PDB file of N, CA and C in Angstrom:
ATOM      1  N   MET A   1      76.839 110.920 149.413  1.00  0.00           N
ATOM      2  CA  MET A   1      75.859 111.297 150.390  1.00  0.00           C
ATOM      3  C   MET A   1      74.484 110.837 149.942  1.00  0.00           C
ATOM      4  N   GLU A   2      73.765 110.302 150.854  1.00  0.00           N
ATOM      5  CA  GLU A   2      72.412 109.850 150.558  1.00  0.00           C
ATOM      6  C   GLU A   2      71.419 110.964 150.842  1.00  0.00           C
ATOM      7  N   LYS A   3      70.455 111.053 149.960  1.00  0.00           N
ATOM      8  CA  LYS A   3      69.388 112.019 150.172  1.00  0.00           C
ATOM      9  C   LYS A   3      68.280 111.370 150.971  1.00  0.00           C
ATOM     10  N   LYS A   4      67.764 112.095 151.923  1.00  0.00           N
ATOM     11  CA  LYS A   4      66.647 111.581 152.702  1.00  0.00           C
ATOM     12  C   LYS A   4      65.365 111.823 151.939  1.00  0.00           C
ATOM     13  N   LYS A   5      64.487 110.857 151.978  1.00  0.00           N
ATOM     14  CA  LYS A   5      63.189 111.002 151.332  1.00  0.00           C
ATOM     15  C   LYS A   5      62.275 111.810 152.230  1.00  0.00           C
ATOM     16  N   LYS A   6      61.589 112.743 151.599  1.00  0.00           N
ATOM     17  CA  LYS A   6      60.641 113.549 152.352  1.00  0.00           C
ATOM     18  C   LYS A   6      59.343 112.782 152.534  1.00  0.00           C
ATOM     19  N   ARG A   7      58.762 112.934 153.685  1.00  0.00           N
ATOM     20  CA  ARG A   7      57.502 112.282 153.964  1.00  0.00           C
ATOM     21  C   ARG A   7      56.363 113.139 153.419  1.00  0.00           C
ATOM     22  N   VAL A   8      55.496 112.537 152.639  1.00  0.00           N
ATOM     23  CA  VAL A   8      54.375 113.244 152.030  1.00  0.00           C
ATOM     24  C   VAL A   8      53.154 113.080 152.924  1.00  0.00           C
ATOM     25  N   VAL A   9      52.578 114.202 153.294  1.00  0.00           N
ATOM     26  CA  VAL A   9      51.378 114.180 154.135  1.00  0.00           C
ATOM     27  C   VAL A   9      50.186 114.450 153.234  1.00  0.00           C
ATOM     28  N   ARG A  10      49.216 113.559 153.264  1.00  0.00           N
ATOM     29  CA  ARG A  10      48.019 113.713 152.447  1.00  0.00           C
ATOM     30  C   ARG A  10      47.011 114.606 153.126  1.00  0.00           C
ATOM     31  N   ASP A  11      46.302 115.349 152.321  1.00  0.00           N
ATOM     32  CA  ASP A  11      45.224 116.179 152.825  1.00  0.00           C
ATOM     33  C   ASP A  11      43.987 115.301 152.961  1.00  0.00           C
ATOM     34  N   THR A  12      43.527 115.100 154.175  1.00  0.00           N
ATOM     35  CA  THR A  12      42.415 114.167 154.407  1.00  0.00           C
ATOM     36  C   THR A  12      41.056 114.848 154.370  1.00  0.00           C
ATOM     37  N   ARG A  13      41.025 116.142 154.058  1.00  0.00           N
ATOM     38  CA  ARG A  13      39.722 116.817 154.004  1.00  0.00           C
ATOM     39  C   ARG A  13      38.899 116.323 152.818  1.00  0.00           C
ATOM     40  N   TYR A  14      39.547 116.049 151.712  1.00  0.00           N
ATOM     41  CA  TYR A  14      38.848 115.613 150.504  1.00  0.00           C
ATOM     42  C   TYR A  14      39.166 114.143 150.255  1.00  0.00           C
ATOM     43  N   THR A  15      38.375 113.277 150.832  1.00  0.00           N
ATOM     44  CA  THR A  15      38.614 111.848 150.661  1.00  0.00           C
ATOM     45  C   THR A  15      37.758 111.250 149.552  1.00  0.00           C
ATOM     46  N   GLN A  16      36.882 112.061 148.947  1.00  0.00           N
ATOM     47  CA  GLN A  16      36.055 111.552 147.863  1.00  0.00           C
ATOM     48  C   GLN A  16      36.900 111.373 146.612  1.00  0.00           C
ATOM     49  N   LYS A  17      36.460 110.474 145.739  1.00  0.00           N
ATOM     50  CA  LYS A  17      37.153 110.288 144.470  1.00  0.00           C
ATOM     51  C   LYS A  17      36.917 111.462 143.542  1.00  0.00           C
ATOM     52  N   TRP A  18      35.716 112.039 143.587  1.00  0.00           N
ATOM     53  CA  TRP A  18      35.345 113.112 142.681  1.00  0.00           C
ATOM     54  C   TRP A  18      34.608 114.180 143.445  1.00  0.00           C
ATOM     55  N   HIS A  19      34.977 115.420 143.217  1.00  0.00           N
ATOM     56  CA  HIS A  19      34.229 116.523 143.787  1.00  0.00           C
ATOM     57  C   HIS A  19      34.115 117.614 142.733  1.00  0.00           C
ATOM     58  N   PRO A  20      32.920 118.205 142.595  1.00  0.00           N
ATOM     59  CA  PRO A  20      32.698 119.191 141.538  1.00  0.00           C
ATOM     60  C   PRO A  20      33.427 120.503 141.803  1.00  0.00           C
ATOM     61  N   THR A  21      33.734 121.182 140.723  1.00  0.00           N
ATOM     62  CA  THR A  21      34.401 122.473 140.784  1.00  0.00           C
ATOM     63  C   THR A  21      33.371 123.579 140.561  1.00  0.00           C
ATOM     64  N   PRO A  22      33.450 124.660 141.312  1.00  0.00           N
ATOM     65  CA  PRO A  22      32.522 125.756 141.055  1.00  0.00           C
ATOM     66  C   PRO A  22      32.777 126.391 139.688  1.00  0.00           C
ATOM     67  N   LEU A  23      31.736 126.558 138.904  1.00  0.00           N
ATOM     68  CA  LEU A  23      31.847 127.179 137.591  1.00  0.00           C
ATOM     69  C   LEU A  23      31.216 128.561 137.626  1.00  0.00           C
ATOM     70  N   LYS A  24      31.626 129.407 136.701  1.00  0.00           N
ATOM     71  CA  LYS A  24      31.079 130.762 136.638  1.00  0.00           C
ATOM     72  C   LYS A  24      29.665 130.742 136.069  1.00  0.00           C
ATOM     73  N   GLY A  25      28.930 131.797 136.349  1.00  0.00           N
ATOM     74  CA  GLY A  25      27.574 131.931 135.823  1.00  0.00           C
ATOM     75  C   GLY A  25      27.561 132.109 134.316  1.00  0.00           C
ATOM     76  N   SER A  26      28.621 132.684 133.778  1.00  0.00           N
ATOM     77  CA  SER A  26      28.697 132.876 132.331  1.00  0.00           C
ATOM     78  C   SER A  26      28.779 131.544 131.583  1.00  0.00           C
ATOM     79  N   PHE A  27      29.275 130.498 132.255  1.00  0.00           N
ATOM     80  CA  PHE A  27      29.328 129.169 131.643  1.00  0.00           C
ATOM     81  C   PHE A  27      27.909 128.669 131.377  1.00  0.00           C
ATOM     82  N   MET A  28      26.997 128.873 132.335  1.00  0.00           N
ATOM     83  CA  MET A  28      25.608 128.452 132.151  1.00  0.00           C
ATOM     84  C   MET A  28      24.921 129.284 131.075  1.00  0.00           C
ATOM     85  N   VAL A  29      25.181 130.588 131.069  1.00  0.00           N
ATOM     86  CA  VAL A  29      24.585 131.460 130.053  1.00  0.00           C
ATOM     87  C   VAL A  29      25.060 131.045 128.662  1.00  0.00           C
ATOM     88  N   LEU A  30      26.348 130.752 128.528  1.00  0.00           N
ATOM     89  CA  LEU A  30      26.896 130.317 127.250  1.00  0.00           C
ATOM     90  C   LEU A  30      26.265 129.004 126.793  1.00  0.00           C
ATOM     91  N   SER A  31      26.022 128.092 127.725  1.00  0.00           N
ATOM     92  CA  SER A  31      25.413 126.824 127.334  1.00  0.00           C
ATOM     93  C   SER A  31      23.959 127.014 126.881  1.00  0.00           C
ATOM     94  N   ILE A  32      23.220 127.893 127.537  1.00  0.00           N
ATOM     95  CA  ILE A  32      21.834 128.143 127.146  1.00  0.00           C
ATOM     96  C   ILE A  32      21.774 128.823 125.784  1.00  0.00           C
ATOM     97  N   VAL A  33      22.606 129.844 125.593  1.00  0.00           N
ATOM     98  CA  VAL A  33      22.635 130.546 124.306  1.00  0.00           C
ATOM     99  C   VAL A  33      23.090 129.600 123.199  1.00  0.00           C
ATOM    100  N   GLY A  34      24.073 128.779 123.473  1.00  0.00           N
ATOM    101  CA  GLY A  34      24.545 127.805 122.491  1.00  0.00           C
ATOM    102  C   GLY A  34      23.475 126.785 122.122  1.00  0.00           C
ATOM    103  N   LEU A  35      22.702 126.345 123.121  1.00  0.00           N
ATOM    104  CA  LEU A  35      21.595 125.422 122.835  1.00  0.00           C
ATOM    105  C   LEU A  35      20.557 126.062 121.930  1.00  0.00           C
ATOM    106  N   LEU A  36      20.203 127.294 122.231  1.00  0.00           N
ATOM    107  CA  LEU A  36      19.195 127.984 121.419  1.00  0.00           C
ATOM    108  C   LEU A  36      19.692 128.213 119.992  1.00  0.00           C
ATOM    109  N   ILE A  37      20.915 128.679 119.855  1.00  0.00           N
ATOM    110  CA  ILE A  37      21.452 128.936 118.513  1.00  0.00           C
ATOM    111  C   ILE A  37      21.577 127.641 117.719  1.00  0.00           C
ATOM    112  N   SER A  38      22.088 126.591 118.360  1.00  0.00           N
ATOM    113  CA  SER A  38      22.238 125.345 117.606  1.00  0.00           C
ATOM    114  C   SER A  38      20.899 124.697 117.287  1.00  0.00           C
ATOM    115  N   THR A  39      19.878 124.911 118.122  1.00  0.00           N
ATOM    116  CA  THR A  39      18.572 124.332 117.834  1.00  0.00           C
ATOM    117  C   THR A  39      17.862 125.055 116.690  1.00  0.00           C
ATOM    118  N   TYR A  40      17.901 126.387 116.715  1.00  0.00           N
ATOM    119  CA  TYR A  40      17.130 127.147 115.738  1.00  0.00           C
ATOM    120  C   TYR A  40      17.897 127.546 114.480  1.00  0.00           C
ATOM    121  N   MET A  41      19.227 127.576 114.524  1.00  0.00           N
ATOM    122  CA  MET A  41      19.969 128.025 113.348  1.00  0.00           C
ATOM    123  C   MET A  41      20.821 126.938 112.705  1.00  0.00           C
ATOM    124  N   ILE A  42      21.456 126.097 113.510  1.00  0.00           N
ATOM    125  CA  ILE A  42      22.369 125.097 112.948  1.00  0.00           C
ATOM    126  C   ILE A  42      21.639 123.821 112.567  1.00  0.00           C
ATOM    127  N   TYR A  43      20.756 123.343 113.442  1.00  0.00           N
ATOM    128  CA  TYR A  43      20.076 122.065 113.200  1.00  0.00           C
ATOM    129  C   TYR A  43      19.268 122.044 111.892  1.00  0.00           C
ATOM    130  N   PRO A  44      18.528 123.093 111.545  1.00  0.00           N
ATOM    131  CA  PRO A  44      17.781 123.039 110.268  1.00  0.00           C
ATOM    132  C   PRO A  44      18.682 122.979 109.026  1.00  0.00           C
ATOM    133  N   ARG A  45      19.881 123.532 109.101  1.00  0.00           N
ATOM    134  CA  ARG A  45      20.772 123.529 107.937  1.00  0.00           C
ATOM    135  C   ARG A  45      21.602 122.263 107.822  1.00  0.00           C
ATOM    136  N   SER A  46      22.106 121.768 108.952  1.00  0.00           N
ATOM    137  CA  SER A  46      22.925 120.562 108.949  1.00  0.00           C
ATOM    138  C   SER A  46      22.530 119.709 110.146  1.00  0.00           C
ATOM    139  N   VAL A  47      21.867 118.613 109.886  1.00  0.00           N
ATOM    140  CA  VAL A  47      21.323 117.782 110.965  1.00  0.00           C
ATOM    141  C   VAL A  47      22.444 117.183 111.813  1.00  0.00           C
ATOM    142  N   ASN A  48      23.457 116.619 111.180  1.00  0.00           N
ATOM    143  CA  ASN A  48      24.534 115.965 111.938  1.00  0.00           C
ATOM    144  C   ASN A  48      25.300 116.955 112.812  1.00  0.00           C
ATOM    145  N   PHE A  49      25.693 118.079 112.225  1.00  0.00           N
ATOM    146  CA  PHE A  49      26.418 119.080 112.997  1.00  0.00           C
ATOM    147  C   PHE A  49      25.524 119.703 114.065  1.00  0.00           C
ATOM    148  N   GLY A  50      24.245 119.852 113.774  1.00  0.00           N
ATOM    149  CA  GLY A  50      23.305 120.398 114.743  1.00  0.00           C
ATOM    150  C   GLY A  50      23.138 119.501 115.959  1.00  0.00           C
ATOM    151  N   ILE A  51      23.028 118.205 115.721  1.00  0.00           N
ATOM    152  CA  ILE A  51      22.906 117.257 116.841  1.00  0.00           C
ATOM    153  C   ILE A  51      24.174 117.246 117.676  1.00  0.00           C
ATOM    154  N   ALA A  52      25.327 117.300 117.019  1.00  0.00           N
ATOM    155  CA  ALA A  52      26.600 117.324 117.751  1.00  0.00           C
ATOM    156  C   ALA A  52      26.702 118.579 118.617  1.00  0.00           C
ATOM    157  N   ALA A  53      26.332 119.726 118.065  1.00  0.00           N
ATOM    158  CA  ALA A  53      26.394 120.974 118.827  1.00  0.00           C
ATOM    159  C   ALA A  53      25.402 120.960 119.985  1.00  0.00           C
ATOM    160  N   ILE A  54      24.212 120.430 119.752  1.00  0.00           N
ATOM    161  CA  ILE A  54      23.208 120.340 120.813  1.00  0.00           C
ATOM    162  C   ILE A  54      23.710 119.449 121.948  1.00  0.00           C
ATOM    163  N   LEU A  55      24.350 118.344 121.631  1.00  0.00           N
ATOM    164  CA  LEU A  55      24.884 117.452 122.669  1.00  0.00           C
ATOM    165  C   LEU A  55      25.986 118.123 123.480  1.00  0.00           C
ATOM    166  N   VAL A  56      26.857 118.872 122.819  1.00  0.00           N
ATOM    167  CA  VAL A  56      27.938 119.562 123.531  1.00  0.00           C
ATOM    168  C   VAL A  56      27.368 120.607 124.485  1.00  0.00           C
ATOM    169  N   PHE A  57      26.442 121.425 123.999  1.00  0.00           N
ATOM    170  CA  PHE A  57      25.879 122.473 124.856  1.00  0.00           C
ATOM    171  C   PHE A  57      24.979 121.893 125.935  1.00  0.00           C
ATOM    172  N   ALA A  58      24.319 120.784 125.674  1.00  0.00           N
ATOM    173  CA  ALA A  58      23.521 120.131 126.718  1.00  0.00           C
ATOM    174  C   ALA A  58      24.429 119.580 127.818  1.00  0.00           C
ATOM    175  N   ALA A  59      25.571 119.017 127.434  1.00  0.00           N
ATOM    176  CA  ALA A  59      26.525 118.528 128.438  1.00  0.00           C
ATOM    177  C   ALA A  59      27.070 119.692 129.272  1.00  0.00           C
ATOM    178  N   MET A  60      27.320 120.820 128.632  1.00  0.00           N
ATOM    179  CA  MET A  60      27.767 122.003 129.369  1.00  0.00           C
ATOM    180  C   MET A  60      26.700 122.462 130.358  1.00  0.00           C
ATOM    181  N   PHE A  61      25.439 122.426 129.939  1.00  0.00           N
ATOM    182  CA  PHE A  61      24.347 122.845 130.812  1.00  0.00           C
ATOM    183  C   PHE A  61      24.208 121.917 132.015  1.00  0.00           C
ATOM    184  N   VAL A  62      24.306 120.617 131.781  1.00  0.00           N
ATOM    185  CA  VAL A  62      24.229 119.649 132.884  1.00  0.00           C
ATOM    186  C   VAL A  62      25.401 119.850 133.841  1.00  0.00           C
ATOM    187  N   ALA A  63      26.594 120.101 133.302  1.00  0.00           N
ATOM    188  CA  ALA A  63      27.758 120.345 134.164  1.00  0.00           C
ATOM    189  C   ALA A  63      27.565 121.588 135.013  1.00  0.00           C
ATOM    190  N   SER A  64      26.962 122.612 134.454  1.00  0.00           N
ATOM    191  CA  SER A  64      26.740 123.828 135.237  1.00  0.00           C
ATOM    192  C   SER A  64      25.680 123.605 136.316  1.00  0.00           C
ATOM    193  N   LEU A  65      24.672 122.785 136.031  1.00  0.00           N
ATOM    194  CA  LEU A  65      23.674 122.469 137.059  1.00  0.00           C
ATOM    195  C   LEU A  65      24.291 121.662 138.199  1.00  0.00           C
ATOM    196  N   ILE A  66      25.122 120.692 137.860  1.00  0.00           N
ATOM    197  CA  ILE A  66      25.794 119.896 138.894  1.00  0.00           C
ATOM    198  C   ILE A  66      26.697 120.791 139.729  1.00  0.00           C
ATOM    199  N   SER A  67      27.420 121.669 139.072  1.00  0.00           N
ATOM    200  CA  SER A  67      28.304 122.583 139.784  1.00  0.00           C
ATOM    201  C   SER A  67      27.521 123.519 140.695  1.00  0.00           C
ATOM    202  N   MET A  68      26.366 123.940 140.249  1.00  0.00           N
ATOM    203  CA  MET A  68      25.559 124.876 141.027  1.00  0.00           C
ATOM    204  C   MET A  68      25.010 124.210 142.288  1.00  0.00           C
ATOM    205  N   THR A  69      24.690 122.934 142.220  1.00  0.00           N
ATOM    206  CA  THR A  69      24.069 122.277 143.368  1.00  0.00           C
ATOM    207  C   THR A  69      25.057 121.556 144.279  1.00  0.00           C
ATOM    208  N   LYS A  70      26.159 121.035 143.733  1.00  0.00           N
ATOM    209  CA  LYS A  70      27.041 120.178 144.524  1.00  0.00           C
ATOM    210  C   LYS A  70      28.386 120.798 144.901  1.00  0.00           C
ATOM    211  N   ALA A  71      28.808 121.850 144.224  1.00  0.00           N
ATOM    212  CA  ALA A  71      30.142 122.409 144.479  1.00  0.00           C
ATOM    213  C   ALA A  71      30.180 123.139 145.816  1.00  0.00           C
ATOM    214  N   PRO A  72      31.349 123.161 146.443  1.00  0.00           N
ATOM    215  CA  PRO A  72      31.463 123.893 147.708  1.00  0.00           C
ATOM    216  C   PRO A  72      31.372 125.401 147.469  1.00  0.00           C
ATOM    217  N   VAL A  73      30.917 126.108 148.494  1.00  0.00           N
ATOM    218  CA  VAL A  73      30.757 127.557 148.389  1.00  0.00           C
ATOM    219  C   VAL A  73      32.125 128.204 148.576  1.00  0.00           C
ATOM    220  N   VAL A  74      32.494 129.074 147.635  1.00  0.00           N
ATOM    221  CA  VAL A  74      33.770 129.776 147.707  1.00  0.00           C
ATOM    222  C   VAL A  74      33.497 131.213 148.120  1.00  0.00           C
ATOM    223  N   GLU A  75      34.079 131.618 149.235  1.00  0.00           N
ATOM    224  CA  GLU A  75      33.896 132.997 149.707  1.00  0.00           C
ATOM    225  C   GLU A  75      34.982 133.860 149.104  1.00  0.00           C
ATOM    226  N   SER A  76      34.576 135.036 148.600  1.00  0.00           N
ATOM    227  CA  SER A  76      35.576 135.921 148.004  1.00  0.00           C
ATOM    228  C   SER A  76      35.751 137.195 148.792  1.00  0.00           C
TER     229      SER A  76
END
């Protein structure tokens, strides 16, 4: 017996290649606190690790800003 192939229907509402995901507010708070801690406590003790931590938390902060401005509104 042959199996019939199911037809896949694409969702055409999201035709963009990339769309941002809504992030929680705690993500932004964590990025700000992480930036402050890595700037004032980690960077003076270890320059390389401090710069790496600052870059990670700065990327998190930028992601939260993009999410805040471009993500769709989710009603709960």
